[in-house]
Amino acid sequence: MGKRAHQVAHISFEIDDSELTFALVPGQAVHAKDRKPLFSGIITDDMPDELEQLALRLRLLKANEREQKQ
C-alpha cells in the first residue's frame, strides 16, 4: 500500500503501511525544507486505542463548548 497522509489541523500524520511506521509532518509549512518530520516512530499495538481516547476527549471538549454557548 505504501505511504498515506492524514491531515489533522496543521499536522499531517504520514502512515507507512508496509513499514508500520508513522511521521508527524507540519502540513501547512510554506517552505519544503520545513515539511520534514517533527517526529517519527513505529506504530505500536496501543496506538489505535490511545488515538481513540484522544478523539473522544476532543469530541467531549467541543460538545462542552457548544453547551456553554447555549
N, C-alpha and C. Protein backbone atom coordinates (compact mmCIF):
# COMPACT_ATOMS: atom_id res chain seq x y z
N MET A 1 0.81 -1.20 0.00
CA MET A 1 0.00 0.00 0.00
C MET A 1 0.85 1.26 0.00
N GLY A 2 1.91 1.29 0.77
CA GLY A 2 2.77 2.47 0.76
C GLY A 2 2.39 3.49 1.81
N LYS A 3 2.74 4.74 1.53
CA LYS A 3 2.51 5.83 2.48
C LYS A 3 1.20 6.55 2.19
N ARG A 4 0.55 6.95 3.26
CA ARG A 4 -0.67 7.76 3.17
C ARG A 4 -0.56 8.88 4.18
N ALA A 5 -1.11 10.03 3.82
CA ALA A 5 -1.12 11.18 4.72
C ALA A 5 -2.54 11.43 5.20
N HIS A 6 -2.68 11.73 6.48
CA HIS A 6 -3.96 12.07 7.09
C HIS A 6 -3.78 13.43 7.76
N GLN A 7 -4.46 14.43 7.23
CA GLN A 7 -4.34 15.79 7.73
C GLN A 7 -5.19 15.97 8.99
N VAL A 8 -4.59 16.50 10.04
CA VAL A 8 -5.28 16.85 11.28
C VAL A 8 -4.84 18.27 11.62
N ALA A 9 -5.75 19.21 11.38
CA ALA A 9 -5.43 20.63 11.55
C ALA A 9 -4.18 20.95 10.72
N HIS A 10 -3.12 21.41 11.35
CA HIS A 10 -1.92 21.80 10.61
C HIS A 10 -0.83 20.73 10.62
N ILE A 11 -1.15 19.53 11.08
CA ILE A 11 -0.18 18.42 11.12
C ILE A 11 -0.65 17.30 10.21
N SER A 12 0.27 16.74 9.46
CA SER A 12 -0.03 15.54 8.66
C SER A 12 0.53 14.33 9.38
N PHE A 13 -0.31 13.33 9.54
CA PHE A 13 0.14 12.04 10.03
C PHE A 13 0.43 11.20 8.79
N GLU A 14 1.69 10.92 8.55
CA GLU A 14 2.06 10.11 7.40
C GLU A 14 2.27 8.67 7.88
N ILE A 15 1.46 7.78 7.36
CA ILE A 15 1.48 6.38 7.76
C ILE A 15 2.10 5.56 6.64
N ASP A 16 3.09 4.75 6.98
CA ASP A 16 3.70 3.84 6.02
C ASP A 16 3.17 2.44 6.32
N ASP A 17 2.24 1.98 5.50
CA ASP A 17 1.61 0.68 5.71
C ASP A 17 2.60 -0.48 5.65
N SER A 18 3.56 -0.39 4.77
CA SER A 18 4.48 -1.51 4.60
C SER A 18 5.50 -1.60 5.73
N GLU A 19 5.89 -0.45 6.30
CA GLU A 19 6.87 -0.43 7.38
C GLU A 19 6.24 -0.38 8.77
N LEU A 20 4.92 -0.13 8.81
CA LEU A 20 4.20 0.06 10.08
C LEU A 20 4.84 1.16 10.92
N THR A 21 5.08 2.31 10.25
CA THR A 21 5.64 3.47 10.93
C THR A 21 4.76 4.68 10.65
N PHE A 22 5.01 5.75 11.41
CA PHE A 22 4.29 7.00 11.21
C PHE A 22 5.27 8.15 11.37
N ALA A 23 4.89 9.28 10.81
CA ALA A 23 5.65 10.52 10.97
C ALA A 23 4.67 11.67 11.12
N LEU A 24 5.01 12.61 11.97
CA LEU A 24 4.22 13.83 12.13
C LEU A 24 4.95 14.93 11.38
N VAL A 25 4.27 15.51 10.39
CA VAL A 25 4.88 16.48 9.49
C VAL A 25 4.06 17.76 9.51
N PRO A 26 4.71 18.93 9.60
CA PRO A 26 3.95 20.18 9.52
C PRO A 26 3.32 20.31 8.14
N GLY A 27 2.03 20.09 8.07
CA GLY A 27 1.33 20.01 6.80
C GLY A 27 1.14 21.33 6.09
N GLN A 28 1.17 22.43 6.81
CA GLN A 28 0.94 23.72 6.18
C GLN A 28 2.20 24.56 6.12
N ALA A 29 3.35 23.92 6.22
CA ALA A 29 4.61 24.66 6.14
C ALA A 29 4.73 25.29 4.75
N VAL A 30 5.19 26.50 4.71
CA VAL A 30 5.30 27.24 3.46
C VAL A 30 6.45 26.70 2.61
N HIS A 31 7.58 26.44 3.24
CA HIS A 31 8.78 26.01 2.52
C HIS A 31 8.98 24.50 2.65
N ALA A 32 9.41 23.87 1.57
CA ALA A 32 9.61 22.42 1.56
C ALA A 32 10.57 21.99 2.66
N LYS A 33 11.59 22.80 2.95
CA LYS A 33 12.56 22.43 3.98
C LYS A 33 11.91 22.31 5.37
N ASP A 34 10.77 22.97 5.55
CA ASP A 34 10.06 22.94 6.84
C ASP A 34 9.05 21.81 6.92
N ARG A 35 8.95 21.00 5.87
CA ARG A 35 8.00 19.90 5.85
C ARG A 35 8.64 18.57 6.27
N LYS A 36 9.78 18.63 6.86
CA LYS A 36 10.44 17.41 7.35
C LYS A 36 9.71 16.94 8.60
N PRO A 37 9.73 15.61 8.85
CA PRO A 37 9.04 15.10 10.04
C PRO A 37 9.54 15.74 11.33
N LEU A 38 8.58 16.10 12.16
CA LEU A 38 8.89 16.59 13.50
C LEU A 38 9.20 15.43 14.43
N PHE A 39 8.56 14.31 14.13
CA PHE A 39 8.70 13.10 14.95
C PHE A 39 8.30 11.92 14.09
N SER A 40 8.92 10.79 14.33
CA SER A 40 8.51 9.56 13.66
C SER A 40 8.74 8.38 14.59
N GLY A 41 8.07 7.29 14.29
CA GLY A 41 8.23 6.10 15.13
C GLY A 41 7.46 4.93 14.56
N ILE A 42 7.51 3.84 15.29
CA ILE A 42 6.78 2.65 14.89
C ILE A 42 5.35 2.73 15.42
N ILE A 43 4.45 2.09 14.73
CA ILE A 43 3.06 2.02 15.17
C ILE A 43 2.97 0.88 16.19
N THR A 44 2.60 1.22 17.40
CA THR A 44 2.52 0.22 18.47
C THR A 44 1.11 -0.36 18.57
N ASP A 45 0.99 -1.45 19.28
CA ASP A 45 -0.32 -2.08 19.48
C ASP A 45 -1.29 -1.17 20.22
N ASP A 46 -0.78 -0.29 21.08
CA ASP A 46 -1.63 0.58 21.89
C ASP A 46 -2.10 1.84 21.16
N MET A 47 -1.45 2.19 20.07
CA MET A 47 -1.76 3.46 19.41
C MET A 47 -3.20 3.61 18.96
N PRO A 48 -3.84 2.61 18.37
CA PRO A 48 -5.25 2.81 17.98
C PRO A 48 -6.14 3.19 19.16
N ASP A 49 -5.98 2.51 20.29
CA ASP A 49 -6.79 2.83 21.47
C ASP A 49 -6.45 4.22 22.00
N GLU A 50 -5.17 4.56 22.01
CA GLU A 50 -4.76 5.87 22.50
C GLU A 50 -5.31 6.99 21.62
N LEU A 51 -5.30 6.79 20.32
CA LEU A 51 -5.84 7.80 19.41
C LEU A 51 -7.36 7.90 19.54
N GLU A 52 -8.04 6.78 19.78
CA GLU A 52 -9.48 6.82 20.01
C GLU A 52 -9.80 7.59 21.28
N GLN A 53 -8.98 7.41 22.33
CA GLN A 53 -9.18 8.16 23.57
C GLN A 53 -9.00 9.65 23.34
N LEU A 54 -7.99 10.00 22.54
CA LEU A 54 -7.78 11.41 22.21
C LEU A 54 -8.96 11.96 21.42
N ALA A 55 -9.44 11.21 20.44
CA ALA A 55 -10.59 11.65 19.65
C ALA A 55 -11.81 11.85 20.53
N LEU A 56 -12.05 10.95 21.46
CA LEU A 56 -13.18 11.09 22.38
C LEU A 56 -13.02 12.34 23.23
N ARG A 57 -11.82 12.59 23.73
CA ARG A 57 -11.58 13.77 24.55
C ARG A 57 -11.87 15.04 23.75
N LEU A 58 -11.44 15.08 22.50
CA LEU A 58 -11.69 16.26 21.67
C LEU A 58 -13.18 16.44 21.39
N ARG A 59 -13.89 15.32 21.15
CA ARG A 59 -15.35 15.41 20.94
C ARG A 59 -16.05 15.97 22.17
N LEU A 60 -15.63 15.50 23.35
CA LEU A 60 -16.24 15.98 24.59
C LEU A 60 -15.94 17.46 24.81
N LEU A 61 -14.73 17.89 24.52
CA LEU A 61 -14.39 19.30 24.65
C LEU A 61 -15.26 20.17 23.74
N LYS A 62 -15.42 19.75 22.49
CA LYS A 62 -16.23 20.52 21.55
C LYS A 62 -17.71 20.50 21.94
N ALA A 63 -18.20 19.37 22.45
CA ALA A 63 -19.60 19.29 22.88
C ALA A 63 -19.81 20.23 24.08
N ASN A 64 -18.86 20.25 24.99
CA ASN A 64 -18.94 21.14 26.16
C ASN A 64 -18.92 22.60 25.71
N GLU A 65 -18.10 22.90 24.74
CA GLU A 65 -18.03 24.26 24.21
C GLU A 65 -19.36 24.68 23.62
N ARG A 66 -20.00 23.78 22.87
CA ARG A 66 -21.32 24.09 22.28
C ARG A 66 -22.36 24.31 23.37
N GLU A 67 -22.32 23.49 24.41
CA GLU A 67 -23.29 23.63 25.51
C GLU A 67 -23.09 24.96 26.23
N GLN A 68 -21.85 25.38 26.41
CA GLN A 68 -21.54 26.64 27.10
C GLN A 68 -22.08 27.83 26.33
N LYS A 69 -22.13 27.72 25.00
CA LYS A 69 -22.60 28.82 24.16
C LYS A 69 -24.12 28.96 24.16
N GLN A 70 -24.82 27.89 24.57
CA GLN A 70 -26.28 27.92 24.53
C GLN A 70 -26.87 28.64 25.72
